[in-house]
C-alpha cells in the first residue's frame, strides 16, 4: 500500500477503506476507472470500524431478491479470492434454528425464497441439526440449513480486493483523516485531509458510522438507520 504522500489530484476519492470502500475501489477499477484514491483514517486494513469486528458469516437467503443476489455474488466472489496464499472465506454452511411453530413456518418461507432466488436451502429436523451442532437444545423444532453460506474475517477479503484494485490503478492511504471539502458552485472540488488536499471531481463516502460527519462537511445530511431491540423477559 502507498505511503502517506498524497497525490495532488485524483479522478475519484473514496473515503474509508473498510469492506465497502475496498469493494467500491475493486469494482470501479474492474470497470476501467483509473486515478482512484482511497483514504482511511485508521490503519490499513484493521481500520477499527465495523469491518474490523464483523462476525463474518455471509448468509444469502433473504426475502428481498436484490439483497439475496448481492449476498450470492459476494459468496461467489470471496470464495475465489486468496490473501497471502490462504483462502479469504470458508464454506461452512449456516443453520438458523426455530424455537416456536411460528418461527419454523417462517424458516419454511425463507427456504422457499432461497429456492426462488437460486440458493439451495433445506428445513431440517432437530436431530439433523444436532448432527451439525451437538450442543443444540432439545427444545428446537427445526432449522434452515444453507450449505453454501460462508464464514470470513472481513478484513481479509477487504485487503484482497484492495490489492486487486491497486494492480488496476487504485492507491490506498492509511492514517489519513478527512477534515473537510473544498466546494465551488455547490460541487466538491477537493478533499481536505490531515496530509494535504486532493483535487477531485468525485467523492464516494464509505465511512460507516463516520458518514454523517463526512456528509456534514459537504452540507449533506447522512442519517443513521436506527434499530430497536426489545427483551420480553429478563436475560439469564
C-alpha atoms as a PDB file:
ATOM      1  CA  UNK A   1       0.000   0.000   0.000  1.00  0.00           C
ATOM      2  CA  UNK A   2       1.056   3.592  -0.525  1.00  0.00           C
ATOM      3  CA  UNK A   3       2.851   5.838   1.929  1.00  0.00           C
ATOM      4  CA  UNK A   4       1.126   8.998   3.142  1.00  0.00           C
ATOM      5  CA  UNK A   5       2.445  11.253   0.380  1.00  0.00           C
ATOM      6  CA  UNK A   6      -0.885  12.032  -1.192  1.00  0.00           C
ATOM      7  CA  UNK A   7      -1.321  12.890  -4.857  1.00  0.00           C
ATOM      8  CA  UNK A   8      -2.465  16.413  -5.636  1.00  0.00           C
ATOM      9  CA  UNK A   9      -5.277  15.200  -7.912  1.00  0.00           C
ATOM     10  CA  UNK A  10      -7.460  12.132  -8.394  1.00  0.00           C
ATOM     11  CA  UNK A  11     -10.430  11.411 -10.605  1.00  0.00           C
ATOM     12  CA  UNK A  12     -12.283   9.957  -7.617  1.00  0.00           C
ATOM     13  CA  UNK A  13     -11.566   9.857  -3.878  1.00  0.00           C
ATOM     14  CA  UNK A  14     -13.106   7.095  -1.772  1.00  0.00           C
ATOM     15  CA  UNK A  15     -13.353   7.928   1.935  1.00  0.00           C
ATOM     16  CA  UNK A  16     -12.962   4.777   4.026  1.00  0.00           C
ATOM     17  CA  UNK A  17     -11.060   1.522   3.443  1.00  0.00           C
ATOM     18  CA  UNK A  18     -13.412  -0.887   5.142  1.00  0.00           C
ATOM     19  CA  UNK A  19     -15.204  -3.611   3.225  1.00  0.00           C
ATOM     20  CA  UNK A  20     -17.406  -1.098   1.380  1.00  0.00           C
ATOM     21  CA  UNK A  21     -14.613   1.268   0.345  1.00  0.00           C
ATOM     22  CA  UNK A  22     -12.388  -1.598  -0.800  1.00  0.00           C
ATOM     23  CA  UNK A  23     -15.286  -3.113  -2.742  1.00  0.00           C
ATOM     24  CA  UNK A  24     -16.011   0.225  -4.435  1.00  0.00           C
ATOM     25  CA  UNK A  25     -12.355   0.547  -5.468  1.00  0.00           C
ATOM     26  CA  UNK A  26     -12.238  -3.069  -6.656  1.00  0.00           C
ATOM     27  CA  UNK A  27     -15.354  -2.803  -8.799  1.00  0.00           C
ATOM     28  CA  UNK A  28     -14.638   0.647 -10.235  1.00  0.00           C
ATOM     29  CA  UNK A  29     -11.159  -0.404 -11.344  1.00  0.00           C
ATOM     30  CA  UNK A  30     -12.627  -3.602 -12.800  1.00  0.00           C
ATOM     31  CA  UNK A  31     -14.878  -1.326 -14.850  1.00  0.00           C
ATOM     32  CA  UNK A  32     -11.846   0.546 -16.147  1.00  0.00           C
ATOM     33  CA  UNK A  33     -11.670   3.528 -13.775  1.00  0.00           C
ATOM     34  CA  UNK A  34      -8.141   4.722 -13.075  1.00  0.00           C
ATOM     35  CA  UNK A  35      -6.630   7.539 -10.992  1.00  0.00           C
ATOM     36  CA  UNK A  36      -8.628   6.429  -7.943  1.00  0.00           C
ATOM     37  CA  UNK A  37      -7.516   7.200  -4.372  1.00  0.00           C
ATOM     38  CA  UNK A  38      -8.813   5.610  -1.156  1.00  0.00           C
ATOM     39  CA  UNK A  39      -8.086   7.387   2.142  1.00  0.00           C
ATOM     40  CA  UNK A  40      -8.589   5.812   5.567  1.00  0.00           C
ATOM     41  CA  UNK A  41      -8.241   7.494   8.949  1.00  0.00           C
ATOM     42  CA  UNK A  42      -7.167   4.241  10.632  1.00  0.00           C
ATOM     43  CA  UNK A  43      -4.511   1.700   9.712  1.00  0.00           C
ATOM     44  CA  UNK A  44      -4.925  -0.466   6.623  1.00  0.00           C
ATOM     45  CA  UNK A  45      -6.870  -2.778   6.873  1.00  0.00           C
ATOM     46  CA  UNK A  46      -7.655  -3.268  10.536  1.00  0.00           C
ATOM     47  CA  UNK A  47      -9.304   0.116  10.431  1.00  0.00           C
ATOM     48  CA  UNK A  48     -11.170  -0.018  13.744  1.00  0.00           C
ATOM     49  CA  UNK A  49     -14.533   0.380  12.015  1.00  0.00           C
ATOM     50  CA  UNK A  50     -17.328  -2.146  11.563  1.00  0.00           C
ATOM     51  CA  UNK A  51     -15.321  -4.306   9.144  1.00  0.00           C
ATOM     52  CA  UNK A  52     -12.706  -4.968  11.832  1.00  0.00           C
ATOM     53  CA  UNK A  53     -15.182  -6.594  14.217  1.00  0.00           C
ATOM     54  CA  UNK A  54     -17.871  -8.005  11.912  1.00  0.00           C
ATOM     55  CA  UNK A  55     -18.829 -11.573  12.918  1.00  0.00           C
ATOM     56  CA  UNK A  56     -18.144 -12.746   9.361  1.00  0.00           C
ATOM     57  CA  UNK A  57     -20.989 -15.099   8.426  1.00  0.00           C
ATOM     58  CA  UNK A  58     -22.270 -14.315   4.939  1.00  0.00           C
ATOM     59  CA  UNK A  59     -25.831 -15.672   4.757  1.00  0.00           C
ATOM     60  CA  UNK A  60     -27.603 -15.478   1.428  1.00  0.00           C
ATOM     61  CA  UNK A  61     -31.307 -16.256   1.875  1.00  0.00           C
ATOM     62  CA  UNK A  62     -33.359 -13.095   2.108  1.00  0.00           C
ATOM     63  CA  UNK A  63     -36.965 -12.159   1.265  1.00  0.00           C
ATOM     64  CA  UNK A  64     -35.506  -9.457  -0.999  1.00  0.00           C
ATOM     65  CA  UNK A  65     -34.315 -10.872  -4.323  1.00  0.00           C
ATOM     66  CA  UNK A  66     -31.917  -7.933  -4.649  1.00  0.00           C
ATOM     67  CA  UNK A  67     -30.296  -8.493  -1.244  1.00  0.00           C
ATOM     68  CA  UNK A  68     -30.098 -12.243  -1.843  1.00  0.00           C
ATOM     69  CA  UNK A  69     -28.444 -11.562  -5.199  1.00  0.00           C
ATOM     70  CA  UNK A  70     -25.867  -9.281  -3.580  1.00  0.00           C
ATOM     71  CA  UNK A  71     -25.106 -11.945  -0.970  1.00  0.00           C
ATOM     72  CA  UNK A  72     -24.814 -14.737  -3.541  1.00  0.00           C
ATOM     73  CA  UNK A  73     -22.481 -12.596  -5.661  1.00  0.00           C
ATOM     74  CA  UNK A  74     -20.386 -11.910  -2.537  1.00  0.00           C
ATOM     75  CA  UNK A  75     -20.146 -15.611  -1.698  1.00  0.00           C
ATOM     76  CA  UNK A  76     -19.066 -16.444  -5.248  1.00  0.00           C
ATOM     77  CA  UNK A  77     -16.520 -13.598  -5.352  1.00  0.00           C
ATOM     78  CA  UNK A  78     -14.894 -14.125  -1.966  1.00  0.00           C
ATOM     79  CA  UNK A  79     -14.840 -17.917  -2.305  1.00  0.00           C
ATOM     80  CA  UNK A  80     -12.454 -17.460  -5.223  1.00  0.00           C
ATOM     81  CA  UNK A  81     -10.169 -14.931  -3.503  1.00  0.00           C
ATOM     82  CA  UNK A  82      -6.925 -15.541  -1.632  1.00  0.00           C
ATOM     83  CA  UNK A  83      -4.743 -13.418   0.641  1.00  0.00           C
ATOM     84  CA  UNK A  84      -1.163 -14.434   1.470  1.00  0.00           C
ATOM     85  CA  UNK A  85      -1.785 -17.802  -0.151  1.00  0.00           C
ATOM     86  CA  UNK A  86      -4.796 -18.610   2.020  1.00  0.00           C
ATOM     87  CA  UNK A  87      -8.491 -18.552   1.080  1.00  0.00           C
ATOM     88  CA  UNK A  88     -10.448 -15.456   2.093  1.00  0.00           C
ATOM     89  CA  UNK A  89     -13.525 -17.481   3.015  1.00  0.00           C
ATOM     90  CA  UNK A  90     -14.502 -20.914   4.282  1.00  0.00           C
ATOM     91  CA  UNK A  91     -17.574 -22.759   3.064  1.00  0.00           C
ATOM     92  CA  UNK A  92     -19.117 -23.685   6.424  1.00  0.00           C
ATOM     93  CA  UNK A  93     -22.846 -23.508   5.690  1.00  0.00           C
ATOM     94  CA  UNK A  94     -25.294 -21.990   8.150  1.00  0.00           C
ATOM     95  CA  UNK A  95     -28.085 -23.059  10.486  1.00  0.00           C
ATOM     96  CA  UNK A  96     -30.961 -20.830  11.534  1.00  0.00           C
ATOM     97  CA  UNK A  97     -32.970 -22.544  14.281  1.00  0.00           C
ATOM     98  CA  UNK A  98     -36.646 -22.360  15.232  1.00  0.00           C
ATOM     99  CA  UNK A  99     -37.937 -22.467  18.799  1.00  0.00           C
ATOM    100  CA  UNK A 100     -41.616 -21.899  18.011  1.00  0.00           C
ATOM    101  CA  UNK A 101     -44.072 -23.161  15.383  1.00  0.00           C
ATOM    102  CA  UNK A 102     -44.332 -19.607  14.024  1.00  0.00           C
ATOM    103  CA  UNK A 103     -40.580 -19.404  13.605  1.00  0.00           C
ATOM    104  CA  UNK A 104     -40.489 -22.792  11.906  1.00  0.00           C
ATOM    105  CA  UNK A 105     -43.145 -21.615   9.448  1.00  0.00           C
ATOM    106  CA  UNK A 106     -41.015 -18.526   8.767  1.00  0.00           C
ATOM    107  CA  UNK A 107     -37.960 -20.695   8.042  1.00  0.00           C
ATOM    108  CA  UNK A 108     -40.011 -22.727   5.576  1.00  0.00           C
ATOM    109  CA  UNK A 109     -40.934 -19.471   3.842  1.00  0.00           C
ATOM    110  CA  UNK A 110     -37.262 -18.473   3.764  1.00  0.00           C
ATOM    111  CA  UNK A 111     -36.340 -21.818   2.206  1.00  0.00           C
ATOM    112  CA  UNK A 112     -38.913 -21.047  -0.487  1.00  0.00           C
ATOM    113  CA  UNK A 113     -37.340 -17.634  -1.069  1.00  0.00           C
ATOM    114  CA  UNK A 114     -33.956 -19.296  -1.450  1.00  0.00           C
ATOM    115  CA  UNK A 115     -35.322 -21.785  -3.973  1.00  0.00           C
ATOM    116  CA  UNK A 116     -36.888 -18.926  -5.934  1.00  0.00           C
ATOM    117  CA  UNK A 117     -33.627 -16.944  -5.941  1.00  0.00           C
ATOM    118  CA  UNK A 118     -31.451 -19.940  -6.887  1.00  0.00           C
ATOM    119  CA  UNK A 119     -29.955 -20.525  -3.421  1.00  0.00           C
ATOM    120  CA  UNK A 120     -30.115 -24.056  -2.043  1.00  0.00           C
ATOM    121  CA  UNK A 121     -31.623 -24.307   1.435  1.00  0.00           C
ATOM    122  CA  UNK A 122     -33.441 -27.011   3.408  1.00  0.00           C
ATOM    123  CA  UNK A 123     -35.542 -27.066   6.559  1.00  0.00           C
ATOM    124  CA  UNK A 124     -34.117 -29.961   8.566  1.00  0.00           C
ATOM    125  CA  UNK A 125     -35.263 -31.806  11.670  1.00  0.00           C
ATOM    126  CA  UNK A 126     -33.920 -31.173  15.201  1.00  0.00           C
ATOM    127  CA  UNK A 127     -31.914 -34.408  15.098  1.00  0.00           C
ATOM    128  CA  UNK A 128     -30.387 -33.471  11.736  1.00  0.00           C
ATOM    129  CA  UNK A 129     -29.477 -30.032  13.109  1.00  0.00           C
ATOM    130  CA  UNK A 130     -27.761 -31.629  16.115  1.00  0.00           C
ATOM    131  CA  UNK A 131     -25.605 -33.687  13.749  1.00  0.00           C
ATOM    132  CA  UNK A 132     -24.021 -30.350  12.784  1.00  0.00           C
ATOM    133  CA  UNK A 133     -24.047 -28.804  16.276  1.00  0.00           C
ATOM    134  CA  UNK A 134     -24.474 -31.440  19.021  1.00  0.00           C
ATOM    135  CA  UNK A 135     -24.912 -28.825  21.764  1.00  0.00           C
ATOM    136  CA  UNK A 136     -28.189 -27.549  20.283  1.00  0.00           C
ATOM    137  CA  UNK A 137     -31.111 -27.630  22.688  1.00  0.00           C
ATOM    138  CA  UNK A 138     -33.595 -30.488  22.635  1.00  0.00           C
ATOM    139  CA  UNK A 139     -36.299 -27.795  22.517  1.00  0.00           C
ATOM    140  CA  UNK A 140     -35.701 -26.635  18.939  1.00  0.00           C
ATOM    141  CA  UNK A 141     -38.327 -27.563  16.357  1.00  0.00           C
ATOM    142  CA  UNK A 142     -36.109 -27.500  13.290  1.00  0.00           C
ATOM    143  CA  UNK A 143     -33.588 -25.398  11.373  1.00  0.00           C
ATOM    144  CA  UNK A 144     -32.933 -23.849   7.982  1.00  0.00           C
ATOM    145  CA  UNK A 145     -29.680 -25.229   6.562  1.00  0.00           C
ATOM    146  CA  UNK A 146     -27.988 -23.307   3.736  1.00  0.00           C
ATOM    147  CA  UNK A 147     -24.913 -25.343   2.690  1.00  0.00           C
ATOM    148  CA  UNK A 148     -23.242 -22.659   0.540  1.00  0.00           C
ATOM    149  CA  UNK A 149     -23.044 -19.871   3.156  1.00  0.00           C
ATOM    150  CA  UNK A 150     -19.506 -18.810   4.051  1.00  0.00           C
ATOM    151  CA  UNK A 151     -17.520 -17.573   7.035  1.00  0.00           C
ATOM    152  CA  UNK A 152     -14.765 -14.961   6.731  1.00  0.00           C
ATOM    153  CA  UNK A 153     -12.757 -12.421   8.658  1.00  0.00           C
ATOM    154  CA  UNK A 154     -13.977  -9.376   6.774  1.00  0.00           C
ATOM    155  CA  UNK A 155     -10.626  -7.584   6.741  1.00  0.00           C
ATOM    156  CA  UNK A 156      -9.195 -10.395   4.589  1.00  0.00           C
ATOM    157  CA  UNK A 157     -11.471 -10.007   1.549  1.00  0.00           C
ATOM    158  CA  UNK A 158     -11.231  -6.241   2.054  1.00  0.00           C
ATOM    159  CA  UNK A 159      -7.448  -6.391   1.729  1.00  0.00           C
ATOM    160  CA  UNK A 160      -7.623  -8.875  -1.154  1.00  0.00           C
ATOM    161  CA  UNK A 161      -9.972  -6.574  -3.077  1.00  0.00           C
ATOM    162  CA  UNK A 162      -7.705  -3.617  -2.278  1.00  0.00           C
ATOM    163  CA  UNK A 163      -4.668  -5.441  -3.649  1.00  0.00           C
ATOM    164  CA  UNK A 164      -6.523  -6.215  -6.875  1.00  0.00           C
ATOM    165  CA  UNK A 165      -7.707  -2.603  -7.091  1.00  0.00           C
ATOM    166  CA  UNK A 166      -4.100  -1.413  -6.688  1.00  0.00           C
ATOM    167  CA  UNK A 167      -2.990  -3.687  -9.507  1.00  0.00           C
ATOM    168  CA  UNK A 168      -5.650  -1.993 -11.624  1.00  0.00           C
ATOM    169  CA  UNK A 169      -4.654   1.578 -10.790  1.00  0.00           C
ATOM    170  CA  UNK A 170      -6.030   2.500  -7.346  1.00  0.00           C
ATOM    171  CA  UNK A 171      -3.951   3.861  -4.445  1.00  0.00           C
ATOM    172  CA  UNK A 172      -4.674   3.337  -0.721  1.00  0.00           C
ATOM    173  CA  UNK A 173      -3.518   5.614   2.091  1.00  0.00           C
ATOM    174  CA  UNK A 174      -3.893   4.770   5.784  1.00  0.00           C
ATOM    175  CA  UNK A 175      -3.676   7.217   8.673  1.00  0.00           C
ATOM    176  CA  UNK A 176      -5.212   9.995   6.560  1.00  0.00           C
ATOM    177  CA  UNK A 177      -8.142  11.811   8.142  1.00  0.00           C
ATOM    178  CA  UNK A 178     -10.610  13.798   6.048  1.00  0.00           C
ATOM    179  CA  UNK A 179     -11.077  17.236   7.633  1.00  0.00           C
ATOM    180  CA  UNK A 180     -13.325  18.952   5.083  1.00  0.00           C
ATOM    181  CA  UNK A 181     -14.060  19.602   1.429  1.00  0.00           C
ATOM    182  CA  UNK A 182     -13.259  22.380  -0.980  1.00  0.00           C
ATOM    183  CA  UNK A 183     -16.567  23.420  -2.544  1.00  0.00           C
ATOM    184  CA  UNK A 184     -17.148  25.679  -5.539  1.00  0.00           C
ATOM    185  CA  UNK A 185     -20.570  26.395  -7.002  1.00  0.00           C
ATOM    186  CA  UNK A 186     -22.197  23.656  -4.969  1.00  0.00           C
ATOM    187  CA  UNK A 187     -19.742  20.984  -6.150  1.00  0.00           C
ATOM    188  CA  UNK A 188     -16.889  19.341  -4.284  1.00  0.00           C
ATOM    189  CA  UNK A 189     -13.609  20.271  -5.927  1.00  0.00           C
ATOM    190  CA  UNK A 190     -11.140  18.993  -3.334  1.00  0.00           C
ATOM    191  CA  UNK A 191     -10.858  16.686  -0.333  1.00  0.00           C
ATOM    192  CA  UNK A 192      -9.089  18.331   2.600  1.00  0.00           C
ATOM    193  CA  UNK A 193      -7.120  15.877   4.741  1.00  0.00           C
ATOM    194  CA  UNK A 194      -4.640  15.750   7.583  1.00  0.00           C
ATOM    195  CA  UNK A 195      -1.928  15.188   4.948  1.00  0.00           C
ATOM    196  CA  UNK A 196      -2.919  17.831   2.411  1.00  0.00           C
ATOM    197  CA  UNK A 197      -5.609  18.476  -0.175  1.00  0.00           C
ATOM    198  CA  UNK A 198      -6.563  16.290  -3.144  1.00  0.00           C
ATOM    199  CA  UNK A 199      -8.304  17.984  -6.058  1.00  0.00           C
ATOM    200  CA  UNK A 200     -11.029  15.711  -7.391  1.00  0.00           C
ATOM    201  CA  UNK A 201     -14.224  15.593  -9.428  1.00  0.00           C
ATOM    202  CA  UNK A 202     -15.958  12.889  -7.397  1.00  0.00           C
ATOM    203  CA  UNK A 203     -16.077  11.747  -3.753  1.00  0.00           C
ATOM    204  CA  UNK A 204     -17.602   8.468  -2.571  1.00  0.00           C
ATOM    205  CA  UNK A 205     -18.234   8.300   1.185  1.00  0.00           C
ATOM    206  CA  UNK A 206     -17.765   4.774   2.573  1.00  0.00           C
ATOM    207  CA  UNK A 207     -17.132   5.873   6.136  1.00  0.00           C
ATOM    208  CA  UNK A 208     -19.628   3.760   8.069  1.00  0.00           C
ATOM    209  CA  UNK A 209     -20.563   5.351  11.393  1.00  0.00           C
ATOM    210  CA  UNK A 210     -18.470   8.391  10.449  1.00  0.00           C
ATOM    211  CA  UNK A 211     -20.563   9.028   7.308  1.00  0.00           C
ATOM    212  CA  UNK A 212     -22.735  11.738   8.957  1.00  0.00           C
ATOM    213  CA  UNK A 213     -19.572  13.646   9.849  1.00  0.00           C
ATOM    214  CA  UNK A 214     -18.185  13.309   6.328  1.00  0.00           C
ATOM    215  CA  UNK A 215     -21.533  14.291   4.846  1.00  0.00           C
ATOM    216  CA  UNK A 216     -21.685  17.289   7.141  1.00  0.00           C
ATOM    217  CA  UNK A 217     -18.512  18.670   5.579  1.00  0.00           C
ATOM    218  CA  UNK A 218     -20.434  18.851   2.284  1.00  0.00           C
ATOM    219  CA  UNK A 219     -23.691  20.022   3.816  1.00  0.00           C
ATOM    220  CA  UNK A 220     -25.338  16.655   3.114  1.00  0.00           C
ATOM    221  CA  UNK A 221     -27.335  15.115   5.975  1.00  0.00           C
ATOM    222  CA  UNK A 222     -26.451  11.420   6.292  1.00  0.00           C
ATOM    223  CA  UNK A 223     -28.805   9.718   8.713  1.00  0.00           C
ATOM    224  CA  UNK A 224     -28.291   6.538  10.693  1.00  0.00           C
ATOM    225  CA  UNK A 225     -30.731   3.691  10.375  1.00  0.00           C
ATOM    226  CA  UNK A 226     -31.904   3.042  13.917  1.00  0.00           C
ATOM    227  CA  UNK A 227     -32.719  -0.430  15.213  1.00  0.00           C
ATOM    228  CA  UNK A 228     -34.534  -1.291  18.424  1.00  0.00           C
ATOM    229  CA  UNK A 229     -34.206  -4.476  20.459  1.00  0.00           C
ATOM    230  CA  UNK A 230     -36.883  -5.460  22.947  1.00  0.00           C
ATOM    231  CA  UNK A 231     -36.340  -8.108  25.618  1.00  0.00           C
ATOM    232  CA  UNK A 232     -39.735  -9.568  26.627  1.00  0.00           C
ATOM    233  CA  UNK A 233     -38.240 -11.220  29.695  1.00  0.00           C
ATOM    234  CA  UNK A 234     -35.070 -10.858  31.798  1.00  0.00           C
ATOM    235  CA  UNK A 235     -31.941 -12.382  30.350  1.00  0.00           C
ATOM    236  CA  UNK A 236     -30.486 -15.255  32.408  1.00  0.00           C
END
